[in-house]
Structure formats: structure tokens, C-alpha cells
């Protein structure tokens, strides 16, 4: 269990992880805290919006509906991987869920998946209190694609929050793993996403596979020290030179111990 991050710490964690963030209006103070508790924080929950179009989806997640006021999450992850921050604090995203799942998330002691939920919205534990929520723009029909940039952003935001709280990837679940009534996110598997998050957490914040340092190649040798039994033709052949090229590079008398030039420069 943990005290939720401050809005400033939350934003910093995302940026440190390399998340591209867009702040929408007064997101830091836009919440449902007057309707119930926010915290203790126990995990991160991933959803799909069942909408299309970035602006329309962001507006819906910020404002909500007449029957379900916003914010409907903390961040909206668009197809390009940009995270639009629409609220902070208690948000109407998780609803009721299975207390047994919450116990497994808190303990981080499950295998591939937490226990299958047997409770849902009507009779479940208040998930809006316990989870950070991210809505990902997707129709949720199993056909709408999940671009690589969007999946990477899900990985990054989840890792950022886990890193800030000292959690493992097992503190990240999908809505379908929380409530028997839900199917989201549909189109990718949460076990695979947790594997990605776990790998990211092995590295410093901001890590990227594309930025993994590589050992620079050694520069080609420019000299060769002559040994007692060396011949000029043998030296030339070993360094892919003609005899004429080797002599042009080294016009003076050659004796053992001399350093021969084998490359111009």
C-alpha cells in the first residue's frame, strides 16, 4: 500500500521515463475526491476507450457522461503514444472489482495472471480508490490495431508509476483482470505487457533499447612492428597491401624492430 503520488511527482515520473505528455486544462485538480477516498494506491489499471479520434476521446475521458462524470482516468494514451493528462486524484475508471484480485496485486505474488475475478461493478471493491487509470484509444473490437508507439507508452507509464512506488510489474493489471464485467483492454495480452514492464524496470528511468550503448569498433592499425623473420611480401599480404604500396609507405631501409606504416594518415 502507498500514499498516491502528488501531481507534480506523478508528472515528473512520467517525464523521467521518457513519456510524451500533454497536459489538458486544470488536470491536477480535476477529480472525484469529493465523492470518496483516493488511496491507498495499490496499482495501475489499463483500459480501452471504445472510441476513435484523439480529441473526441480526450474530451470524453476528461468530461465523462451525464451518468458517469469525469475524469474517467488520469491519462489518455493516443495511437501515437502521447499521454494526455485529464485528471488527478479519484477518477471514475475502475469501478467495482474483486477483492481477491486486489489482495494478489498488493502482495504481487501471482503467476502469469492474478486470480480470475468473480465480482464486478455492482458488488465489488472500490477500484477508483486504489488504482491509477489509463484509457487507451481503441475501439476494443479486436480489429482496431494497437500501434507500437501506443503499446510502448502503456509500458512506459506503467513502469514510471511502479518505479516511483517501488512496485513490480505485477502491480499493473487490465480492467478485465479486475472485474468479471469487463473485457478491456482487448487486442493485446496483459501478461506480455507485464513482461515488457518488468524488463524496463531492470534499467534506469528513460531507458530505450534503441539507446543501448554499443562498444565502438576498434580503429584500424596504422603501424606494424617488424619481426626478425618477417618478409616485406609477407607483411604486405597480411595487411592487404601490394608490395609496391608497402614500399611507397616506407621508403627507407627496413630492419627488425622498425614500425612500418601500413595505412596512410
C-alpha atoms as a PDB file:
ATOM      1  CA  UNK A   1       0.000   0.000   0.000  1.00  0.00           C
ATOM      2  CA  UNK A   2       1.178   3.524  -0.693  1.00  0.00           C
ATOM      3  CA  UNK A   3       0.154   7.127  -0.482  1.00  0.00           C
ATOM      4  CA  UNK A   4      -0.689   8.336  -4.018  1.00  0.00           C
ATOM      5  CA  UNK A   5       1.980  10.449  -5.661  1.00  0.00           C
ATOM      6  CA  UNK A   6       1.475  14.182  -5.737  1.00  0.00           C
ATOM      7  CA  UNK A   7       0.504  15.528  -9.147  1.00  0.00           C
ATOM      8  CA  UNK A   8       3.984  17.046  -9.507  1.00  0.00           C
ATOM      9  CA  UNK A   9       5.709  13.756  -8.622  1.00  0.00           C
ATOM     10  CA  UNK A  10       3.396  11.857 -10.985  1.00  0.00           C
ATOM     11  CA  UNK A  11       4.230  14.200 -13.868  1.00  0.00           C
ATOM     12  CA  UNK A  12       7.956  14.020 -13.130  1.00  0.00           C
ATOM     13  CA  UNK A  13       7.892  10.221 -13.019  1.00  0.00           C
ATOM     14  CA  UNK A  14       6.260  10.082 -16.452  1.00  0.00           C
ATOM     15  CA  UNK A  15       8.692  12.551 -17.994  1.00  0.00           C
ATOM     16  CA  UNK A  16      11.719  10.852 -16.424  1.00  0.00           C
ATOM     17  CA  UNK A  17      10.571   7.596 -18.038  1.00  0.00           C
ATOM     18  CA  UNK A  18      10.535   9.279 -21.445  1.00  0.00           C
ATOM     19  CA  UNK A  19       6.750   9.585 -21.793  1.00  0.00           C
ATOM     20  CA  UNK A  20       5.491  12.259 -24.174  1.00  0.00           C
ATOM     21  CA  UNK A  21       2.956  14.183 -22.095  1.00  0.00           C
ATOM     22  CA  UNK A  22       0.255  16.714 -22.978  1.00  0.00           C
ATOM     23  CA  UNK A  23      -1.358  18.497 -20.031  1.00  0.00           C
ATOM     24  CA  UNK A  24      -5.052  19.176 -20.543  1.00  0.00           C
ATOM     25  CA  UNK A  25      -6.538  22.133 -18.672  1.00  0.00           C
ATOM     26  CA  UNK A  26      -6.508  22.038 -14.886  1.00  0.00           C
ATOM     27  CA  UNK A  27      -5.849  18.289 -14.791  1.00  0.00           C
ATOM     28  CA  UNK A  28      -4.008  18.453 -11.430  1.00  0.00           C
ATOM     29  CA  UNK A  29      -7.188  19.412  -9.546  1.00  0.00           C
ATOM     30  CA  UNK A  30      -9.804  17.719 -11.745  1.00  0.00           C
ATOM     31  CA  UNK A  31     -11.023  14.690  -9.758  1.00  0.00           C
ATOM     32  CA  UNK A  32     -13.845  12.965  -7.874  1.00  0.00           C
ATOM     33  CA  UNK A  33     -12.256  13.285  -4.435  1.00  0.00           C
ATOM     34  CA  UNK A  34     -15.444  14.811  -3.021  1.00  0.00           C
ATOM     35  CA  UNK A  35     -17.244  11.519  -3.696  1.00  0.00           C
ATOM     36  CA  UNK A  36     -14.859   9.114  -1.998  1.00  0.00           C
ATOM     37  CA  UNK A  37     -11.328   8.306  -0.930  1.00  0.00           C
ATOM     38  CA  UNK A  38      -8.271   8.447  -3.197  1.00  0.00           C
ATOM     39  CA  UNK A  39      -5.757   5.989  -1.801  1.00  0.00           C
ATOM     40  CA  UNK A  40      -4.096   3.968  -0.589  1.00  0.00           C
ATOM     41  CA  UNK A  41      -2.676   3.395  -4.062  1.00  0.00           C
ATOM     42  CA  UNK A  42      -2.097  -0.239  -4.968  1.00  0.00           C
ATOM     43  CA  UNK A  43      -1.576  -0.446  -8.702  1.00  0.00           C
ATOM     44  CA  UNK A  44      -2.089   0.691 -12.284  1.00  0.00           C
ATOM     45  CA  UNK A  45      -5.093  -0.279 -14.404  1.00  0.00           C
ATOM     46  CA  UNK A  46      -5.174  -0.286 -18.217  1.00  0.00           C
ATOM     47  CA  UNK A  47      -8.376   0.237 -20.253  1.00  0.00           C
ATOM     48  CA  UNK A  48      -9.529   0.833 -23.823  1.00  0.00           C
ATOM     49  CA  UNK A  49     -11.859   3.725 -24.610  1.00  0.00           C
ATOM     50  CA  UNK A  50     -14.239   2.108 -27.160  1.00  0.00           C
ATOM     51  CA  UNK A  51     -13.855   5.381 -29.094  1.00  0.00           C
ATOM     52  CA  UNK A  52     -11.865   6.690 -32.048  1.00  0.00           C
ATOM     53  CA  UNK A  53     -10.236  10.042 -32.692  1.00  0.00           C
ATOM     54  CA  UNK A  54      -7.835  11.698 -30.298  1.00  0.00           C
ATOM     55  CA  UNK A  55      -9.661  14.932 -29.435  1.00  0.00           C
ATOM     56  CA  UNK A  56     -13.075  13.330 -29.037  1.00  0.00           C
ATOM     57  CA  UNK A  57     -11.617  10.583 -26.855  1.00  0.00           C
ATOM     58  CA  UNK A  58      -9.692  13.026 -24.664  1.00  0.00           C
ATOM     59  CA  UNK A  59     -12.778  15.220 -24.247  1.00  0.00           C
ATOM     60  CA  UNK A  60     -14.903  12.230 -23.266  1.00  0.00           C
ATOM     61  CA  UNK A  61     -12.360  10.970 -20.761  1.00  0.00           C
ATOM     62  CA  UNK A  62     -11.980  14.418 -19.228  1.00  0.00           C
ATOM     63  CA  UNK A  63     -15.669  15.333 -19.054  1.00  0.00           C
ATOM     64  CA  UNK A  64     -17.390  11.966 -18.797  1.00  0.00           C
ATOM     65  CA  UNK A  65     -21.120  11.481 -19.361  1.00  0.00           C
ATOM     66  CA  UNK A  66     -24.252  12.626 -17.571  1.00  0.00           C
ATOM     67  CA  UNK A  67     -24.458   9.196 -15.942  1.00  0.00           C
ATOM     68  CA  UNK A  68     -20.709   8.935 -15.260  1.00  0.00           C
ATOM     69  CA  UNK A  69     -18.950  12.275 -14.639  1.00  0.00           C
ATOM     70  CA  UNK A  70     -15.299  12.760 -15.491  1.00  0.00           C
ATOM     71  CA  UNK A  71     -12.486  12.366 -15.180  1.00  0.00           C
ATOM     72  CA  UNK A  72     -12.726   8.783 -16.403  1.00  0.00           C
ATOM     73  CA  UNK A  73      -8.989   8.187 -15.956  1.00  0.00           C
ATOM     74  CA  UNK A  74      -5.752  10.002 -15.199  1.00  0.00           C
ATOM     75  CA  UNK A  75      -4.260   9.799 -18.674  1.00  0.00           C
ATOM     76  CA  UNK A  76      -5.472   9.053 -22.203  1.00  0.00           C
ATOM     77  CA  UNK A  77      -2.917   7.259 -24.386  1.00  0.00           C
ATOM     78  CA  UNK A  78      -3.437   8.042 -28.066  1.00  0.00           C
ATOM     79  CA  UNK A  79      -2.388   5.995 -31.093  1.00  0.00           C
ATOM     80  CA  UNK A  80       0.862   7.957 -31.445  1.00  0.00           C
ATOM     81  CA  UNK A  81       1.862   7.234 -27.843  1.00  0.00           C
ATOM     82  CA  UNK A  82       1.149  10.713 -26.472  1.00  0.00           C
ATOM     83  CA  UNK A  83      -0.314  10.664 -22.955  1.00  0.00           C
ATOM     84  CA  UNK A  84      -2.976  13.325 -22.381  1.00  0.00           C
ATOM     85  CA  UNK A  85      -3.328  14.076 -18.665  1.00  0.00           C
ATOM     86  CA  UNK A  86      -7.009  14.807 -17.963  1.00  0.00           C
ATOM     87  CA  UNK A  87      -7.347  14.416 -14.185  1.00  0.00           C
ATOM     88  CA  UNK A  88      -5.595  13.565 -10.987  1.00  0.00           C
ATOM     89  CA  UNK A  89      -6.982  12.005  -7.836  1.00  0.00           C
ATOM     90  CA  UNK A  90     -10.039   9.809  -7.659  1.00  0.00           C
ATOM     91  CA  UNK A  91     -11.333   9.063 -11.172  1.00  0.00           C
ATOM     92  CA  UNK A  92     -14.286   7.046 -12.491  1.00  0.00           C
ATOM     93  CA  UNK A  93     -12.290   4.367 -14.307  1.00  0.00           C
ATOM     94  CA  UNK A  94     -12.076   1.117 -12.351  1.00  0.00           C
ATOM     95  CA  UNK A  95     -15.457   0.741 -10.665  1.00  0.00           C
ATOM     96  CA  UNK A  96     -16.116  -2.315  -8.533  1.00  0.00           C
ATOM     97  CA  UNK A  97     -13.847  -5.330  -8.697  1.00  0.00           C
ATOM     98  CA  UNK A  98     -12.794  -8.499  -6.962  1.00  0.00           C
ATOM     99  CA  UNK A  99     -11.165  -8.056  -3.515  1.00  0.00           C
ATOM    100  CA  UNK A 100      -9.235 -11.292  -4.093  1.00  0.00           C
ATOM    101  CA  UNK A 101      -7.589  -9.696  -7.140  1.00  0.00           C
ATOM    102  CA  UNK A 102      -6.701  -6.619  -5.100  1.00  0.00           C
ATOM    103  CA  UNK A 103      -5.070  -8.850  -2.479  1.00  0.00           C
ATOM    104  CA  UNK A 104      -2.958 -10.566  -5.143  1.00  0.00           C
ATOM    105  CA  UNK A 105      -1.919  -7.212  -6.638  1.00  0.00           C
ATOM    106  CA  UNK A 106      -0.966  -5.849  -3.223  1.00  0.00           C
ATOM    107  CA  UNK A 107       1.063  -8.984  -2.460  1.00  0.00           C
ATOM    108  CA  UNK A 108       2.454  -9.202  -6.025  1.00  0.00           C
ATOM    109  CA  UNK A 109       2.504 -12.958  -5.509  1.00  0.00           C
ATOM    110  CA  UNK A 110       0.609 -14.344  -8.504  1.00  0.00           C
ATOM    111  CA  UNK A 111       1.915 -16.177 -11.558  1.00  0.00           C
ATOM    112  CA  UNK A 112       1.048 -15.205 -15.121  1.00  0.00           C
ATOM    113  CA  UNK A 113      -2.282 -13.696 -14.111  1.00  0.00           C
ATOM    114  CA  UNK A 114      -3.982 -12.735 -10.855  1.00  0.00           C
ATOM    115  CA  UNK A 115      -6.908 -14.917  -9.790  1.00  0.00           C
ATOM    116  CA  UNK A 116      -9.884 -14.719 -12.158  1.00  0.00           C
ATOM    117  CA  UNK A 117     -12.362 -12.106 -10.891  1.00  0.00           C
ATOM    118  CA  UNK A 118     -15.706 -13.326  -9.553  1.00  0.00           C
ATOM    119  CA  UNK A 119     -17.058  -9.907  -8.581  1.00  0.00           C
ATOM    120  CA  UNK A 120     -17.819  -6.861 -10.692  1.00  0.00           C
ATOM    121  CA  UNK A 121     -19.155  -3.330 -10.565  1.00  0.00           C
ATOM    122  CA  UNK A 122     -22.298  -3.959  -8.539  1.00  0.00           C
ATOM    123  CA  UNK A 123     -20.820  -5.925  -5.664  1.00  0.00           C
ATOM    124  CA  UNK A 124     -17.094  -5.328  -5.860  1.00  0.00           C
ATOM    125  CA  UNK A 125     -14.375  -3.408  -4.054  1.00  0.00           C
ATOM    126  CA  UNK A 126     -13.945   0.270  -4.959  1.00  0.00           C
ATOM    127  CA  UNK A 127     -11.194   0.275  -7.580  1.00  0.00           C
ATOM    128  CA  UNK A 128     -11.350   4.025  -8.170  1.00  0.00           C
ATOM    129  CA  UNK A 129      -9.775   4.419  -4.761  1.00  0.00           C
ATOM    130  CA  UNK A 130      -6.875   2.033  -5.314  1.00  0.00           C
ATOM    131  CA  UNK A 131      -5.693   2.306  -8.941  1.00  0.00           C
ATOM    132  CA  UNK A 132      -4.104   4.798 -11.281  1.00  0.00           C
ATOM    133  CA  UNK A 133      -6.032   4.523 -14.548  1.00  0.00           C
ATOM    134  CA  UNK A 134      -5.047   4.940 -18.196  1.00  0.00           C
ATOM    135  CA  UNK A 135      -7.536   4.840 -21.061  1.00  0.00           C
ATOM    136  CA  UNK A 136      -6.046   3.829 -24.407  1.00  0.00           C
ATOM    137  CA  UNK A 137      -7.763   4.952 -27.596  1.00  0.00           C
ATOM    138  CA  UNK A 138      -9.048   1.774 -29.229  1.00  0.00           C
ATOM    139  CA  UNK A 139     -12.446   0.527 -30.368  1.00  0.00           C
ATOM    140  CA  UNK A 140     -11.975  -2.666 -28.393  1.00  0.00           C
ATOM    141  CA  UNK A 141     -13.407  -4.812 -31.197  1.00  0.00           C
ATOM    142  CA  UNK A 142     -10.329  -6.986 -31.599  1.00  0.00           C
ATOM    143  CA  UNK A 143      -9.688  -5.482 -35.039  1.00  0.00           C
ATOM    144  CA  UNK A 144      -8.623  -1.922 -34.239  1.00  0.00           C
ATOM    145  CA  UNK A 145      -4.789  -2.008 -34.262  1.00  0.00           C
ATOM    146  CA  UNK A 146      -2.517  -1.222 -31.333  1.00  0.00           C
ATOM    147  CA  UNK A 147       0.422   0.717 -32.836  1.00  0.00           C
ATOM    148  CA  UNK A 148       3.892   0.065 -31.434  1.00  0.00           C
ATOM    149  CA  UNK A 149       4.113   3.649 -30.119  1.00  0.00           C
ATOM    150  CA  UNK A 150       0.894   3.223 -28.157  1.00  0.00           C
ATOM    151  CA  UNK A 151       1.997  -0.086 -26.608  1.00  0.00           C
ATOM    152  CA  UNK A 152       5.355   1.458 -25.706  1.00  0.00           C
ATOM    153  CA  UNK A 153       3.579   4.346 -23.984  1.00  0.00           C
ATOM    154  CA  UNK A 154       1.493   1.877 -21.929  1.00  0.00           C
ATOM    155  CA  UNK A 155       4.731   0.157 -20.937  1.00  0.00           C
ATOM    156  CA  UNK A 156       6.374   3.443 -20.004  1.00  0.00           C
ATOM    157  CA  UNK A 157       3.561   4.961 -17.936  1.00  0.00           C
ATOM    158  CA  UNK A 158       3.157   1.703 -16.035  1.00  0.00           C
ATOM    159  CA  UNK A 159       6.884   1.397 -15.374  1.00  0.00           C
ATOM    160  CA  UNK A 160       7.085   5.042 -14.311  1.00  0.00           C
ATOM    161  CA  UNK A 161       4.463   4.603 -11.593  1.00  0.00           C
ATOM    162  CA  UNK A 162       5.821   1.236 -10.479  1.00  0.00           C
ATOM    163  CA  UNK A 163       9.313   2.713 -10.251  1.00  0.00           C
ATOM    164  CA  UNK A 164       8.059   5.698  -8.221  1.00  0.00           C
ATOM    165  CA  UNK A 165       6.321   3.420  -5.709  1.00  0.00           C
ATOM    166  CA  UNK A 166       8.865   0.596  -5.690  1.00  0.00           C
ATOM    167  CA  UNK A 167       6.346  -1.848  -7.182  1.00  0.00           C
ATOM    168  CA  UNK A 168       6.970  -4.688  -9.628  1.00  0.00           C
ATOM    169  CA  UNK A 169       5.159  -5.195 -12.930  1.00  0.00           C
ATOM    170  CA  UNK A 170       2.612  -7.362 -11.079  1.00  0.00           C
ATOM    171  CA  UNK A 171       1.038  -4.172  -9.763  1.00  0.00           C
ATOM    172  CA  UNK A 172      -0.203  -3.478 -13.321  1.00  0.00           C
ATOM    173  CA  UNK A 173      -3.455  -5.128 -14.420  1.00  0.00           C
ATOM    174  CA  UNK A 174      -6.100  -4.803 -17.092  1.00  0.00           C
ATOM    175  CA  UNK A 175      -9.698  -3.901 -16.336  1.00  0.00           C
ATOM    176  CA  UNK A 176     -10.734  -7.418 -17.404  1.00  0.00           C
ATOM    177  CA  UNK A 177      -8.462  -8.828 -14.674  1.00  0.00           C
ATOM    178  CA  UNK A 178     -10.209  -6.663 -12.055  1.00  0.00           C
ATOM    179  CA  UNK A 179     -13.907  -7.063 -12.823  1.00  0.00           C
ATOM    180  CA  UNK A 180     -15.939 -10.009 -14.157  1.00  0.00           C
ATOM    181  CA  UNK A 181     -17.998  -7.478 -16.146  1.00  0.00           C
ATOM    182  CA  UNK A 182     -15.137  -6.107 -18.285  1.00  0.00           C
ATOM    183  CA  UNK A 183     -13.199  -7.152 -21.383  1.00  0.00           C
ATOM    184  CA  UNK A 184     -10.636  -4.359 -21.687  1.00  0.00           C
ATOM    185  CA  UNK A 185      -8.025  -3.976 -22.879  1.00  0.00           C
ATOM    186  CA  UNK A 186      -8.846  -6.142 -25.872  1.00  0.00           C
ATOM    187  CA  UNK A 187      -6.274  -6.708 -28.593  1.00  0.00           C
ATOM    188  CA  UNK A 188      -3.128  -7.471 -26.593  1.00  0.00           C
ATOM    189  CA  UNK A 189      -2.356  -9.620 -23.551  1.00  0.00           C
ATOM    190  CA  UNK A 190      -1.609  -8.210 -20.121  1.00  0.00           C
ATOM    191  CA  UNK A 191       0.893 -10.997 -19.259  1.00  0.00           C
ATOM    192  CA  UNK A 192       3.008  -9.956 -22.230  1.00  0.00           C
ATOM    193  CA  UNK A 193       2.694  -6.292 -21.279  1.00  0.00           C
ATOM    194  CA  UNK A 194       3.804  -7.092 -17.727  1.00  0.00           C
ATOM    195  CA  UNK A 195       6.858  -8.854 -19.191  1.00  0.00           C
ATOM    196  CA  UNK A 196       7.708  -5.660 -21.087  1.00  0.00           C
ATOM    197  CA  UNK A 197       7.260  -3.540 -17.966  1.00  0.00           C
ATOM    198  CA  UNK A 198       9.407  -5.916 -15.920  1.00  0.00           C
ATOM    199  CA  UNK A 199      12.203  -5.674 -18.483  1.00  0.00           C
ATOM    200  CA  UNK A 200      12.033  -1.871 -18.450  1.00  0.00           C
ATOM    201  CA  UNK A 201      12.242  -1.816 -14.663  1.00  0.00           C
ATOM    202  CA  UNK A 202      15.599  -3.619 -14.853  1.00  0.00           C
ATOM    203  CA  UNK A 203      17.052  -0.469 -16.418  1.00  0.00           C
ATOM    204  CA  UNK A 204      17.281   3.185 -15.317  1.00  0.00           C
ATOM    205  CA  UNK A 205      14.347   5.516 -15.989  1.00  0.00           C
ATOM    206  CA  UNK A 206      14.304   6.678 -19.581  1.00  0.00           C
ATOM    207  CA  UNK A 207      15.949   3.501 -20.881  1.00  0.00           C
ATOM    208  CA  UNK A 208      15.376   2.612 -24.505  1.00  0.00           C
ATOM    209  CA  UNK A 209      16.573  -0.433 -26.398  1.00  0.00           C
ATOM    210  CA  UNK A 210      17.493   1.842 -29.301  1.00  0.00           C
ATOM    211  CA  UNK A 211      19.803   3.769 -26.979  1.00  0.00           C
ATOM    212  CA  UNK A 212      21.574   0.756 -25.525  1.00  0.00           C
ATOM    213  CA  UNK A 213      25.312   1.587 -25.597  1.00  0.00           C
ATOM    214  CA  UNK A 214      27.405  -0.425 -28.011  1.00  0.00           C
ATOM    215  CA  UNK A 215      31.155  -0.992 -27.999  1.00  0.00           C
ATOM    216  CA  UNK A 216      32.666   1.186 -30.722  1.00  0.00           C
ATOM    217  CA  UNK A 217      34.746  -0.684 -33.306  1.00  0.00           C
ATOM    218  CA  UNK A 218      38.497  -0.538 -32.871  1.00  0.00           C
ATOM    219  CA  UNK A 219      40.158   1.794 -35.371  1.00  0.00           C
ATOM    220  CA  UNK A 220      42.317   0.013 -37.964  1.00  0.00           C
ATOM    221  CA  UNK A 221      46.005  -0.233 -37.137  1.00  0.00           C
ATOM    222  CA  UNK A 222      48.290   2.297 -38.794  1.00  0.00           C
ATOM    223  CA  UNK A 223      51.665   0.721 -37.964  1.00  0.00           C
ATOM    224  CA  UNK A 224      53.239  -2.717 -37.728  1.00  0.00           C
ATOM    225  CA  UNK A 225      56.441  -3.625 -35.828  1.00  0.00           C
ATOM    226  CA  UNK A 226      58.824  -5.692 -37.968  1.00  0.00           C
ATOM    227  CA  UNK A 227      59.952  -9.045 -36.524  1.00  0.00           C
ATOM    228  CA  UNK A 228      63.223 -10.875 -37.252  1.00  0.00           C
ATOM    229  CA  UNK A 229      61.811 -13.422 -39.718  1.00  0.00           C
ATOM    230  CA  UNK A 230      59.351 -11.092 -41.468  1.00  0.00           C
ATOM    231  CA  UNK A 231      59.500 -10.560 -45.219  1.00  0.00           C
ATOM    232  CA  UNK A 232      58.130  -7.493 -46.981  1.00  0.00           C
ATOM    233  CA  UNK A 233      55.876  -9.610 -49.183  1.00  0.00           C
ATOM    234  CA  UNK A 234      54.513 -11.407 -46.114  1.00  0.00           C
ATOM    235  CA  UNK A 235      53.823  -8.128 -44.296  1.00  0.00           C
ATOM    236  CA  UNK A 236      52.133  -6.676 -47.374  1.00  0.00           C
ATOM    237  CA  UNK A 237      49.898  -9.730 -47.816  1.00  0.00           C
ATOM    238  CA  UNK A 238      48.909  -9.797 -44.106  1.00  0.00           C
ATOM    239  CA  UNK A 239      47.733  -6.192 -44.298  1.00  0.00           C
ATOM    240  CA  UNK A 240      46.081  -6.457 -47.719  1.00  0.00           C
ATOM    241  CA  UNK A 241      48.648  -4.263 -49.448  1.00  0.00           C
ATOM    242  CA  UNK A 242      50.675  -4.758 -52.569  1.00  0.00           C
ATOM    243  CA  UNK A 243      54.445  -4.800 -52.157  1.00  0.00           C
ATOM    244  CA  UNK A 244      54.661  -1.532 -54.085  1.00  0.00           C
ATOM    245  CA  UNK A 245      52.130   0.106 -51.729  1.00  0.00           C
ATOM    246  CA  UNK A 246      54.069  -1.043 -48.654  1.00  0.00           C
ATOM    247  CA  UNK A 247      57.369   0.279 -50.038  1.00  0.00           C
ATOM    248  CA  UNK A 248      55.726   3.593 -51.013  1.00  0.00           C
ATOM    249  CA  UNK A 249      54.583   3.986 -47.408  1.00  0.00           C
ATOM    250  CA  UNK A 250      58.022   3.045 -46.039  1.00  0.00           C
ATOM    251  CA  UNK A 251      60.749   4.227 -48.482  1.00  0.00           C
ATOM    252  CA  UNK A 252      63.672   3.906 -46.043  1.00  0.00           C
ATOM    253  CA  UNK A 253      65.637   0.737 -45.191  1.00  0.00           C
ATOM    254  CA  UNK A 254      63.545  -1.723 -43.150  1.00  0.00           C
ATOM    255  CA  UNK A 255      65.085  -3.679 -40.254  1.00  0.00           C
ATOM    256  CA  UNK A 256      63.623  -5.717 -37.360  1.00  0.00           C
ATOM    257  CA  UNK A 257      62.066  -3.510 -34.702  1.00  0.00           C
ATOM    258  CA  UNK A 258      61.060  -0.800 -37.151  1.00  0.00           C
ATOM    259  CA  UNK A 259      57.444   0.363 -37.107  1.00  0.00           C
ATOM    260  CA  UNK A 260      56.100   0.223 -40.634  1.00  0.00           C
ATOM    261  CA  UNK A 261      53.323   2.432 -41.825  1.00  0.00           C
ATOM    262  CA  UNK A 262      50.544   0.206 -43.176  1.00  0.00           C
ATOM    263  CA  UNK A 263      47.940   2.931 -43.686  1.00  0.00           C
ATOM    264  CA  UNK A 264      48.053   6.488 -44.853  1.00  0.00           C
ATOM    265  CA  UNK A 265      47.461   9.155 -42.207  1.00  0.00           C
END
